[in-house]
């Protein structure tokens, strides 16, 4: 499936920079002795290490700092990588088995297990669940690339349960914050996905388009398989790191064609996005480009929050990878709660996103609105109706959305929040029309800030974040401006004009065709 990925429960193929390892049976009798660096080879950070001492496994912080100080020294980077790799001892694969006690059968030839061929029938069919990541602290993984427990082992592994490994760790882990994978079953079975009843023509059209647009379970699983493969690769460089799927893929507002957002968490503390994060991403970009054949078109983008964009050849999904932008983990579960707290929210938001995308309003890289900003604008509108359809979750349930909450609790806190029973029974068609009208003629763009946190429009302050900005949309956690990409008057005028044009067209025709060719979009989505 992934040509460069190791087989489950088996040490991966040796990298070109590694020295030849003896067979596993011989290594038990004659332990591998790392070769000390020659004095003329050592430089910089490694020259301070005694040559008589076997190299220790360097921490991510040491690796980052040493790389930043000597990033131009190619020989140093190679020696540092060798020091990390040589410190990992050979390990026998654990005897995992399926629930019916049948053993997991590994291919006889590691060197050819995934090389341009399908799996042979006698090699067994490793279930998708084997590849899922168990809730655990980083210190429990003493060796990388060991097999992952099956789904049955995850039954009680929620925060607060006796079986949760963070409560059993003998010492505090380096990374205290962990959130679940998209592969965990609770993401599919704990939410009410009942659709609203549509009686008028426009509302029926919106529901029909929504059902074709919404992300399917199979789409999410494909993204999570790639996430798991990448995590194994990245942990060869940063052993204590964790890679999380965030954004629209998990928050309930994703479509079948949505890109996937990944957040690589290296430490609990904030990270300087301009220096540390950029340097780490530059290393990963080079690694993706030179080592991973299933990664296509990796691009390093030096934005305010730098990312590496790439395409997974296996799933066909597009990915954006950031480092330690943990606010994205928090707002993913905030938006997920909004998505399922009222059954009109998701259909309305997804149709708004599709309309904006069709008319060129949904591309922050080109000076218009990001998908995240559009979602916040839609939620704000639903909060500010005379009879609100949704409340401010941060005001109503402050303990569930505390910005200081540890990451491993973020997903668990809002799970028991009940559905919001609004007295407002406005149908979807009228809500879409009202959304367009609100931002076409009612909202004061020059004086107000869109705030989902406060469930109202806030007056602009003279802070730098809001000064001389065309559109101000408050991020619910860090309170920055999510619409900062709109910095040109021409783009702002285009956005306002399109809201006005769409409102007039929908008011006069009461047909979704007046906004976009929705049936053609449905056919395209159904073909994916």
Protein backbone atom coordinates (compact mmCIF):
# COMPACT_ATOMS: atom_id res chain seq x y z
CA UNK A 1 0.00 0.00 0.00
CA UNK A 2 2.63 2.54 1.09
CA UNK A 3 5.92 1.51 -0.56
CA UNK A 4 8.16 3.04 2.11
CA UNK A 5 6.19 1.98 5.15
CA UNK A 6 7.40 -0.82 7.46
CA UNK A 7 5.34 -3.94 7.95
CA UNK A 8 3.43 -4.22 11.21
CA UNK A 9 5.42 -5.65 14.13
CA UNK A 10 8.72 -5.70 12.24
CA UNK A 11 11.76 -3.47 12.24
CA UNK A 12 11.68 -1.24 9.10
CA UNK A 13 14.08 -1.60 6.23
CA UNK A 14 17.48 -0.02 6.95
CA UNK A 15 17.98 3.49 5.68
CA UNK A 16 20.89 4.16 3.33
CA UNK A 17 22.73 6.08 6.05
CA UNK A 18 22.57 3.13 8.49
CA UNK A 19 25.38 0.65 8.91
CA UNK A 20 24.79 -3.02 8.17
CA UNK A 21 23.07 -4.71 11.12
CA UNK A 22 23.84 -8.34 12.11
CA UNK A 23 20.97 -10.86 12.08
CA UNK A 24 18.64 -10.73 15.08
CA UNK A 25 19.81 -14.10 16.47
CA UNK A 26 23.45 -13.05 16.41
CA UNK A 27 22.72 -9.67 17.94
CA UNK A 28 21.37 -11.34 21.06
CA UNK A 29 24.73 -13.05 21.67
CA UNK A 30 26.91 -10.20 20.44
CA UNK A 31 25.19 -6.89 21.21
CA UNK A 32 25.65 -4.15 18.67
CA UNK A 33 28.38 -1.73 19.73
CA UNK A 34 27.99 1.73 18.18
CA UNK A 35 31.19 2.94 16.54
CA UNK A 36 32.51 6.10 18.17
CA UNK A 37 32.88 9.15 16.00
CA UNK A 38 36.42 9.90 14.81
CA UNK A 39 37.84 13.14 16.23
CA UNK A 40 38.30 14.63 12.79
CA UNK A 41 34.62 13.90 11.95
CA UNK A 42 33.06 15.42 15.04
CA UNK A 43 32.14 19.07 14.98
CA UNK A 44 29.94 21.55 16.83
CA UNK A 45 27.47 19.95 19.18
CA UNK A 46 28.75 16.37 18.83
CA UNK A 47 32.36 17.36 19.53
CA UNK A 48 31.31 17.91 23.14
CA UNK A 49 30.25 14.28 23.57
CA UNK A 50 32.91 11.88 25.00
CA UNK A 51 33.96 9.47 22.25
CA UNK A 52 34.18 6.61 24.75
CA UNK A 53 30.46 6.79 25.57
CA UNK A 54 27.81 5.14 23.40
CA UNK A 55 25.55 7.79 21.85
CA UNK A 56 22.29 8.48 23.66
CA UNK A 57 18.96 8.92 21.89
CA UNK A 58 18.76 12.68 21.46
CA UNK A 59 15.59 14.50 22.47
CA UNK A 60 13.57 16.46 19.90
CA UNK A 61 14.64 19.72 21.57
CA UNK A 62 18.34 18.83 21.27
CA UNK A 63 17.81 17.78 17.68
CA UNK A 64 16.03 21.03 16.79
CA UNK A 65 18.52 23.29 18.56
CA UNK A 66 21.54 21.53 17.10
CA UNK A 67 20.02 21.63 13.63
CA UNK A 68 19.22 25.34 13.87
CA UNK A 69 22.74 26.20 15.02
CA UNK A 70 24.47 24.12 12.34
CA UNK A 71 21.84 23.70 9.61
CA UNK A 72 24.37 24.47 6.89
CA UNK A 73 26.62 21.62 7.95
CA UNK A 74 25.44 18.61 5.94
CA UNK A 75 27.97 16.25 7.49
CA UNK A 76 26.77 17.20 10.97
CA UNK A 77 23.16 16.43 10.08
CA UNK A 78 24.14 13.00 8.80
CA UNK A 79 26.20 12.18 11.91
CA UNK A 80 23.33 13.34 14.14
CA UNK A 81 20.87 11.12 12.30
CA UNK A 82 23.27 8.16 12.59
CA UNK A 83 23.63 8.78 16.33
CA UNK A 84 19.86 8.61 16.77
CA UNK A 85 19.45 5.52 14.61
CA UNK A 86 22.34 3.57 16.14
CA UNK A 87 20.90 4.07 19.62
CA UNK A 88 17.80 2.00 18.75
CA UNK A 89 18.53 -1.65 19.62
CA UNK A 90 17.20 -4.54 17.53
CA UNK A 91 13.91 -5.81 18.91
CA UNK A 92 11.99 -9.02 18.34
CA UNK A 93 8.47 -8.39 17.03
CA UNK A 94 5.74 -9.10 19.61
CA UNK A 95 3.48 -12.10 18.90
CA UNK A 96 0.29 -10.19 18.03
CA UNK A 97 -2.74 -12.18 16.92
CA UNK A 98 -6.28 -11.47 15.82
CA UNK A 99 -9.20 -11.87 18.20
CA UNK A 100 -9.83 -15.39 16.95
CA UNK A 101 -6.24 -16.29 18.02
CA UNK A 102 -5.05 -16.64 14.44
CA UNK A 103 -1.55 -15.18 14.11
CA UNK A 104 -0.60 -12.16 12.07
CA UNK A 105 1.41 -13.50 9.13
CA UNK A 106 4.28 -11.29 8.04
CA UNK A 107 5.83 -11.55 4.59
CA UNK A 108 8.92 -13.71 4.42
CA UNK A 109 10.92 -11.14 2.51
CA UNK A 110 10.97 -7.74 4.19
CA UNK A 111 12.80 -6.18 1.32
CA UNK A 112 9.96 -6.84 -1.10
CA UNK A 113 6.84 -6.66 1.06
CA UNK A 114 5.41 -3.52 -0.52
CA UNK A 115 7.47 -3.18 -3.68
CA UNK A 116 5.15 -2.75 -6.66
CA UNK A 117 2.90 -5.70 -6.08
CA UNK A 118 -0.27 -6.73 -4.30
CA UNK A 119 -0.17 -8.65 -1.05
CA UNK A 120 -0.10 -12.40 -1.57
CA UNK A 121 -3.01 -14.35 -0.20
CA UNK A 122 -0.73 -16.30 2.15
CA UNK A 123 0.54 -13.12 3.76
CA UNK A 124 -2.68 -12.55 5.60
CA UNK A 125 -4.93 -9.51 5.63
CA UNK A 126 -3.93 -7.14 8.40
CA UNK A 127 -7.07 -5.39 9.54
CA UNK A 128 -7.31 -1.63 9.34
CA UNK A 129 -7.73 -1.53 13.11
CA UNK A 130 -4.20 -2.89 13.59
CA UNK A 131 -2.87 0.36 12.20
CA UNK A 132 -4.68 2.56 14.67
CA UNK A 133 -2.85 4.32 17.40
CA UNK A 134 -3.64 3.43 20.98
CA UNK A 135 -4.17 6.10 23.64
CA UNK A 136 -0.81 6.12 25.35
CA UNK A 137 1.90 8.36 26.70
CA UNK A 138 5.06 8.68 24.61
CA UNK A 139 7.23 7.05 27.29
CA UNK A 140 5.32 3.79 26.92
CA UNK A 141 6.74 3.43 23.41
CA UNK A 142 10.30 2.44 24.15
CA UNK A 143 10.90 1.33 20.57
CA UNK A 144 9.49 2.75 17.37
CA UNK A 145 7.69 0.68 14.72
CA UNK A 146 6.29 -1.94 17.08
CA UNK A 147 2.91 -3.39 16.23
CA UNK A 148 -0.13 -1.47 17.44
CA UNK A 149 -2.81 -3.19 19.60
CA UNK A 150 -6.09 -4.10 18.04
CA UNK A 151 -9.37 -2.34 18.55
CA UNK A 152 -10.40 -4.50 21.48
CA UNK A 153 -7.52 -3.10 23.49
CA UNK A 154 -8.96 0.38 23.16
CA UNK A 155 -12.25 -0.34 24.87
CA UNK A 156 -11.54 1.50 28.11
CA UNK A 157 -8.83 3.85 26.93
CA UNK A 158 -10.68 7.10 27.42
CA UNK A 159 -9.39 9.83 29.72
CA UNK A 160 -10.53 9.16 33.27
CA UNK A 161 -10.90 5.40 32.92
CA UNK A 162 -8.61 3.09 34.93
CA UNK A 163 -7.17 1.64 31.73
CA UNK A 164 -6.14 5.02 30.36
CA UNK A 165 -2.32 4.77 30.07
CA UNK A 166 -1.68 8.38 31.08
CA UNK A 167 -2.99 7.46 34.53
CA UNK A 168 -0.69 4.44 34.70
CA UNK A 169 2.60 6.03 33.62
CA UNK A 170 5.24 5.70 36.33
CA UNK A 171 6.64 9.10 35.39
CA UNK A 172 5.11 12.14 33.67
CA UNK A 173 5.42 11.98 29.88
CA UNK A 174 7.21 14.67 27.94
CA UNK A 175 4.04 15.34 25.97
CA UNK A 176 1.03 15.49 28.27
CA UNK A 177 -1.53 16.33 25.61
CA UNK A 178 -3.03 13.63 23.40
CA UNK A 179 -6.19 13.59 21.36
CA UNK A 180 -7.74 10.56 19.68
CA UNK A 181 -7.27 9.44 16.12
CA UNK A 182 -10.01 9.86 13.58
CA UNK A 183 -10.13 6.06 13.53
CA UNK A 184 -11.68 5.82 16.99
CA UNK A 185 -15.23 4.50 16.74
CA UNK A 186 -16.76 7.21 18.99
CA UNK A 187 -16.37 9.72 16.17
CA UNK A 188 -19.00 7.83 14.22
CA UNK A 189 -21.53 6.62 16.75
CA UNK A 190 -21.99 9.24 19.46
CA UNK A 191 -23.53 12.04 17.38
CA UNK A 192 -27.09 12.48 16.21
CA UNK A 193 -27.03 12.94 12.43
CA UNK A 194 -30.80 13.25 11.98
CA UNK A 195 -31.58 15.69 9.19
CA UNK A 196 -34.20 18.44 9.50
CA UNK A 197 -37.54 18.12 7.74
CA UNK A 198 -37.72 20.12 4.51
CA UNK A 199 -41.11 21.21 3.18
CA UNK A 200 -40.32 23.99 0.72
CA UNK A 201 -38.45 23.60 -2.59
CA UNK A 202 -35.31 25.54 -1.60
CA UNK A 203 -34.87 23.66 1.68
CA UNK A 204 -35.22 20.32 -0.13
CA UNK A 205 -32.55 21.37 -2.62
CA UNK A 206 -30.19 22.33 0.20
CA UNK A 207 -30.68 18.97 1.93
CA UNK A 208 -30.21 17.04 -1.29
CA UNK A 209 -26.95 18.85 -2.05
CA UNK A 210 -25.75 18.43 1.54
CA UNK A 211 -26.24 14.67 1.44
CA UNK A 212 -24.04 14.46 -1.66
CA UNK A 213 -21.44 16.89 -0.26
CA UNK A 214 -20.87 15.58 3.25
CA UNK A 215 -17.71 13.61 3.98
CA UNK A 216 -18.21 9.85 4.17
CA UNK A 217 -16.65 7.47 6.69
CA UNK A 218 -14.55 5.92 3.92
CA UNK A 219 -13.09 9.36 3.08
CA UNK A 220 -12.08 9.87 6.70
CA UNK A 221 -10.49 6.42 6.95
CA UNK A 222 -8.35 7.03 3.87
CA UNK A 223 -7.00 10.22 5.41
CA UNK A 224 -6.32 8.52 8.72
CA UNK A 225 -4.36 5.69 7.08
CA UNK A 226 -2.03 8.26 5.52
CA UNK A 227 -1.76 10.07 8.88
CA UNK A 228 -0.70 6.82 10.56
CA UNK A 229 1.92 6.09 7.89
CA UNK A 230 3.35 9.60 8.15
CA UNK A 231 3.45 9.43 11.94
CA UNK A 232 5.64 6.33 11.76
CA UNK A 233 7.99 8.09 9.35
CA UNK A 234 8.18 11.30 11.40
CA UNK A 235 8.79 9.41 14.64
CA UNK A 236 12.06 8.16 13.16
CA UNK A 237 13.24 11.78 13.38
CA UNK A 238 11.18 13.01 16.36
CA UNK A 239 10.44 9.90 18.48
CA UNK A 240 8.10 11.64 20.97
CA UNK A 241 6.01 13.48 18.39
CA UNK A 242 2.34 12.90 17.62
CA UNK A 243 0.53 13.63 14.36
CA UNK A 244 -3.14 14.57 14.52
CA UNK A 245 -5.86 14.99 11.92
CA UNK A 246 -7.69 18.26 12.58
CA UNK A 247 -9.85 20.82 10.78
CA UNK A 248 -12.82 20.09 8.55
CA UNK A 249 -12.00 16.38 8.32
CA UNK A 250 -13.04 16.03 11.97
CA UNK A 251 -15.17 19.07 12.84
CA UNK A 252 -18.25 17.94 10.90
CA UNK A 253 -18.03 20.56 8.14
CA UNK A 254 -15.90 18.58 5.71
CA UNK A 255 -16.94 17.62 2.20
CA UNK A 256 -15.87 14.69 0.06
CA UNK A 257 -13.32 16.95 -1.65
CA UNK A 258 -12.01 18.69 1.47
CA UNK A 259 -8.28 18.88 2.09
CA UNK A 260 -6.99 17.27 5.30
CA UNK A 261 -5.19 19.30 7.96
CA UNK A 262 -2.45 17.68 10.05
CA UNK A 263 -0.95 19.05 13.25
CA UNK A 264 2.44 17.71 14.36
CA UNK A 265 2.79 18.16 18.14
CA UNK A 266 6.35 18.08 19.45
CA UNK A 267 5.96 19.74 22.85
CA UNK A 268 3.37 21.25 25.18
CA UNK A 269 4.91 24.72 25.16
CA UNK A 270 4.16 27.25 22.40
CA UNK A 271 6.56 27.13 19.47
CA UNK A 272 7.96 30.07 17.53
CA UNK A 273 6.28 29.63 14.16
CA UNK A 274 8.73 31.93 12.39
CA UNK A 275 11.90 30.09 13.41
CA UNK A 276 11.44 26.68 15.07
CA UNK A 277 8.35 25.58 13.14
CA UNK A 278 9.79 26.72 9.81
CA UNK A 279 13.03 24.86 10.37
CA UNK A 280 11.26 21.63 11.39
CA UNK A 281 8.98 21.83 8.37
CA UNK A 282 11.95 22.43 6.07
CA UNK A 283 13.50 19.19 7.38
CA UNK A 284 10.25 17.30 6.87
CA UNK A 285 9.75 18.80 3.41
CA UNK A 286 13.16 17.51 2.35
CA UNK A 287 12.44 14.11 3.93
CA UNK A 288 9.08 13.85 2.11
CA UNK A 289 10.64 14.89 -1.19
CA UNK A 290 13.61 12.51 -1.08
CA UNK A 291 12.39 9.49 0.89
CA UNK A 292 8.62 8.99 0.58
CA UNK A 293 7.52 7.85 -2.86
CA UNK A 294 3.82 7.98 -1.93
CA UNK A 295 4.03 11.73 -1.24
CA UNK A 296 3.46 13.86 -4.32
CA UNK A 297 4.22 17.55 -4.88
CA UNK A 298 5.38 18.56 -1.37
CA UNK A 299 5.48 22.35 -1.08
CA UNK A 300 6.90 24.36 1.83
CA UNK A 301 4.78 27.51 2.35
CA UNK A 302 6.21 30.16 4.69
CA UNK A 303 2.97 31.74 5.91
CA UNK A 304 2.24 33.19 9.38
CA UNK A 305 1.55 29.60 10.34
CA UNK A 306 3.95 27.77 7.99
CA UNK A 307 2.78 24.54 6.39
CA UNK A 308 3.91 21.79 4.06
CA UNK A 309 1.31 21.00 1.39
CA UNK A 310 1.37 17.63 -0.34
CA UNK A 311 -0.78 15.00 -2.00
CA UNK A 312 -1.03 11.36 -0.95
CA UNK A 313 -0.86 9.20 -4.08
CA UNK A 314 -2.66 6.29 -2.41
CA UNK A 315 -5.80 8.08 -1.20
CA UNK A 316 -5.62 11.04 -3.58
CA UNK A 317 -6.18 13.42 -0.64
CA UNK A 318 -4.47 16.79 -0.31
CA UNK A 319 -2.84 17.55 3.05
CA UNK A 320 -1.64 20.66 4.91
CA UNK A 321 0.86 19.92 7.70
CA UNK A 322 1.67 22.42 10.47
CA UNK A 323 3.80 22.13 13.61
CA UNK A 324 2.48 22.77 17.14
CA UNK A 325 -0.44 24.96 16.05
CA UNK A 326 -2.45 23.39 18.86
CA UNK A 327 -5.23 25.98 18.71
CA UNK A 328 -6.37 24.01 15.66
CA UNK A 329 -6.91 20.95 17.85
CA UNK A 330 -9.01 22.96 20.30
CA UNK A 331 -11.19 24.69 17.72
CA UNK A 332 -11.72 21.40 15.86
CA UNK A 333 -13.71 20.03 18.78
CA UNK A 334 -15.45 23.35 19.46
CA UNK A 335 -16.71 23.46 15.87
CA UNK A 336 -17.57 19.77 16.01
CA UNK A 337 -19.89 20.46 18.93
CA UNK A 338 -21.55 23.32 17.05
CA UNK A 339 -21.95 21.06 14.00
CA UNK A 340 -24.01 18.45 15.84
CA UNK A 341 -25.78 20.53 18.50
CA UNK A 342 -28.56 21.51 16.03
CA UNK A 343 -29.44 19.58 12.89
CA UNK A 344 -29.73 22.62 10.59
CA UNK A 345 -26.16 23.78 11.18
CA UNK A 346 -24.23 21.32 8.99
CA UNK A 347 -26.46 21.50 5.87
CA UNK A 348 -26.47 25.30 5.97
CA UNK A 349 -22.70 25.64 6.47
CA UNK A 350 -21.75 23.12 3.77
CA UNK A 351 -23.94 24.81 1.16
CA UNK A 352 -22.50 28.22 2.12
CA UNK A 353 -18.97 26.84 1.70
CA UNK A 354 -19.83 25.36 -1.70
CA UNK A 355 -21.40 28.65 -2.86
CA UNK A 356 -18.36 30.65 -1.74
CA UNK A 357 -15.98 28.19 -3.38
CA UNK A 358 -17.89 28.26 -6.67
CA UNK A 359 -17.72 32.07 -6.84
CA UNK A 360 -14.06 32.40 -5.84
CA UNK A 361 -14.63 33.67 -2.29
CA UNK A 362 -13.10 30.68 -0.48
CA UNK A 363 -9.32 30.87 -0.96
CA UNK A 364 -7.24 32.63 1.69
CA UNK A 365 -4.08 32.13 -0.38
CA UNK A 366 -5.64 34.43 -3.02
CA UNK A 367 -6.82 37.11 -0.59
CA UNK A 368 -10.36 35.90 0.10
CA UNK A 369 -12.01 33.95 2.94
CA UNK A 370 -10.77 30.69 4.44
CA UNK A 371 -13.22 27.85 5.05
CA UNK A 372 -12.73 28.34 8.79
CA UNK A 373 -13.74 32.01 8.51
CA UNK A 374 -16.86 31.12 6.51
CA UNK A 375 -17.89 28.59 9.17
CA UNK A 376 -17.46 31.20 11.93
CA UNK A 377 -19.50 33.72 9.92
CA UNK A 378 -22.35 31.21 9.51
CA UNK A 379 -22.30 30.28 13.21
CA UNK A 380 -22.29 33.98 14.17
CA UNK A 381 -25.38 34.59 12.03
CA UNK A 382 -27.25 31.69 13.67
CA UNK A 383 -26.32 33.07 17.11
CA UNK A 384 -27.51 36.63 16.42
CA UNK A 385 -31.04 35.89 15.19
CA UNK A 386 -33.86 37.37 17.34
CA UNK A 387 -34.46 33.80 18.49
CA UNK A 388 -30.99 32.19 18.32
CA UNK A 389 -30.65 28.76 16.74
CA UNK A 390 -27.39 28.04 18.59
CA UNK A 391 -25.85 29.60 21.75
CA UNK A 392 -22.28 30.54 22.56
CA UNK A 393 -20.88 27.21 23.73
CA UNK A 394 -17.91 28.90 25.38
CA UNK A 395 -20.24 31.00 27.54
CA UNK A 396 -22.78 28.24 28.21
CA UNK A 397 -20.20 25.49 28.92
CA UNK A 398 -16.97 27.31 29.89
CA UNK A 399 -15.54 24.26 31.66
CA UNK A 400 -15.77 22.21 28.44
CA UNK A 401 -13.95 24.74 26.25
CA UNK A 402 -11.32 26.10 28.60
CA UNK A 403 -8.34 27.34 26.59
CA UNK A 404 -5.94 26.03 29.27
CA UNK A 405 -7.32 22.47 29.23
CA UNK A 406 -4.72 19.78 28.55
CA UNK A 407 -4.89 18.45 25.02
CA UNK A 408 -5.72 14.87 25.98
CA UNK A 409 -8.99 16.11 27.55
CA UNK A 410 -10.10 18.42 24.74
CA UNK A 411 -12.04 15.75 22.81
CA UNK A 412 -13.68 14.28 25.90
CA UNK A 413 -15.05 17.41 27.62
CA UNK A 414 -17.87 18.30 25.17
CA UNK A 415 -19.13 14.76 24.54
CA UNK A 416 -22.04 14.99 26.97
CA UNK A 417 -23.32 18.40 25.88
CA UNK A 418 -27.00 17.90 24.93
CA UNK A 419 -28.68 19.02 21.73
CA UNK A 420 -29.79 22.66 21.76
CA UNK A 421 -33.56 23.01 21.52
CA UNK A 422 -34.22 26.31 19.81
CA UNK A 423 -37.67 27.85 19.57
CA UNK A 424 -36.69 29.16 16.15
CA UNK A 425 -38.11 26.79 13.50
CA UNK A 426 -37.01 28.74 10.43
CA UNK A 427 -36.49 26.35 7.47
CA UNK A 428 -33.11 25.94 5.80
CA UNK A 429 -34.06 27.95 2.71
CA UNK A 430 -34.97 31.01 4.75
CA UNK A 431 -31.81 30.64 6.86
CA UNK A 432 -29.63 30.66 3.74
CA UNK A 433 -31.44 33.74 2.44
CA UNK A 434 -31.09 35.43 5.84
CA UNK A 435 -27.35 34.68 5.99
CA UNK A 436 -26.76 36.35 2.62
CA UNK A 437 -28.91 39.35 3.54
CA UNK A 438 -27.19 39.80 6.92
CA UNK A 439 -23.73 40.16 5.41
CA UNK A 440 -24.98 42.01 2.30
CA UNK A 441 -26.79 44.93 3.97
CA UNK A 442 -27.06 44.51 7.76
CA UNK A 443 -23.60 43.81 9.20
CA UNK A 444 -21.35 46.87 9.66
CA UNK A 445 -18.01 45.73 8.24
CA UNK A 446 -16.22 48.97 9.18
CA UNK A 447 -17.12 49.00 12.87
CA UNK A 448 -17.85 45.45 14.06
CA UNK A 449 -16.01 42.21 14.82
CA UNK A 450 -17.70 38.85 14.21
CA UNK A 451 -17.46 36.92 17.50
CA UNK A 452 -18.72 33.37 17.98
CA UNK A 453 -17.20 33.37 21.47
CA UNK A 454 -19.55 36.17 22.58
CA UNK A 455 -22.41 35.28 20.19
CA UNK A 456 -22.65 38.88 19.00
CA UNK A 457 -20.90 41.57 17.01
CA UNK A 458 -18.22 43.32 19.06
CA UNK A 459 -17.13 46.93 18.48
CA UNK A 460 -13.69 47.23 16.94
CA UNK A 461 -10.86 48.26 19.21
CA UNK A 462 -7.75 50.13 18.12
CA UNK A 463 -5.55 47.07 18.62
CA UNK A 464 -3.17 46.18 15.82
CA UNK A 465 -5.10 42.96 15.15
CA UNK A 466 -8.19 44.92 14.07
CA UNK A 467 -6.82 48.26 12.92
CA UNK A 468 -7.31 49.03 9.20
CA UNK A 469 -8.67 45.54 8.45
CA UNK A 470 -11.47 45.10 5.93
CA UNK A 471 -13.02 42.04 7.61
CA UNK A 472 -12.66 41.14 11.29
CA UNK A 473 -13.56 37.62 12.45
CA UNK A 474 -12.41 36.63 15.94
CA UNK A 475 -10.76 33.25 16.48
CA UNK A 476 -12.63 31.80 19.49
CA UNK A 477 -9.50 30.73 21.41
CA UNK A 478 -6.52 32.95 20.62
CA UNK A 479 -8.73 35.92 19.52
CA UNK A 480 -6.74 36.71 16.41
CA UNK A 481 -8.31 37.77 13.10
CA UNK A 482 -9.05 34.72 10.96
CA UNK A 483 -9.91 36.99 7.99
CA UNK A 484 -6.51 38.73 7.87
CA UNK A 485 -5.94 37.29 4.37
CA UNK A 486 -8.42 39.86 3.00
CA UNK A 487 -6.03 42.82 2.88
CA UNK A 488 -6.86 44.29 -0.55
CA UNK A 489 -9.75 46.69 -1.13
CA UNK A 490 -10.50 45.05 -4.48
CA UNK A 491 -10.96 41.60 -2.88
CA UNK A 492 -13.13 43.03 -0.10
CA UNK A 493 -15.37 44.85 -2.57
CA UNK A 494 -15.70 41.66 -4.63
CA UNK A 495 -16.78 39.68 -1.53
CA UNK A 496 -19.41 42.27 -0.54
CA UNK A 497 -20.72 42.52 -4.09
CA UNK A 498 -21.12 38.75 -4.35
CA UNK A 499 -23.07 38.61 -1.06
CA UNK A 500 -25.40 41.31 -2.39
CA UNK A 501 -25.82 39.67 -5.81
CA UNK A 502 -26.52 36.26 -4.25
CA UNK A 503 -29.07 37.67 -1.80
CA UNK A 504 -31.03 39.47 -4.53
CA UNK A 505 -30.95 36.44 -6.85
CA UNK A 506 -32.11 33.99 -4.18
CA UNK A 507 -34.79 36.39 -2.89
CA UNK A 508 -36.27 36.77 -6.37
CA UNK A 509 -36.05 33.14 -7.51
CA UNK A 510 -36.14 30.98 -4.35
CA UNK A 511 -34.12 28.36 -6.23
CA UNK A 512 -30.63 27.08 -5.42
CA UNK A 513 -29.80 27.24 -9.13
CA UNK A 514 -29.65 31.02 -8.78
CA UNK A 515 -26.53 30.56 -6.62
CA UNK A 516 -24.71 27.59 -8.18
CA UNK A 517 -25.27 24.58 -10.51
CA UNK A 518 -25.98 22.27 -7.61
CA UNK A 519 -27.01 19.18 -9.59
CA UNK A 520 -23.77 19.22 -11.56
CA UNK A 521 -21.87 19.49 -8.29
CA UNK A 522 -23.84 16.53 -6.93
CA UNK A 523 -22.87 14.36 -9.90
CA UNK A 524 -19.22 15.26 -9.43
CA UNK A 525 -19.34 14.40 -5.73
CA UNK A 526 -21.14 11.12 -6.34
CA UNK A 527 -18.41 10.10 -8.77
CA UNK A 528 -15.67 10.37 -6.12
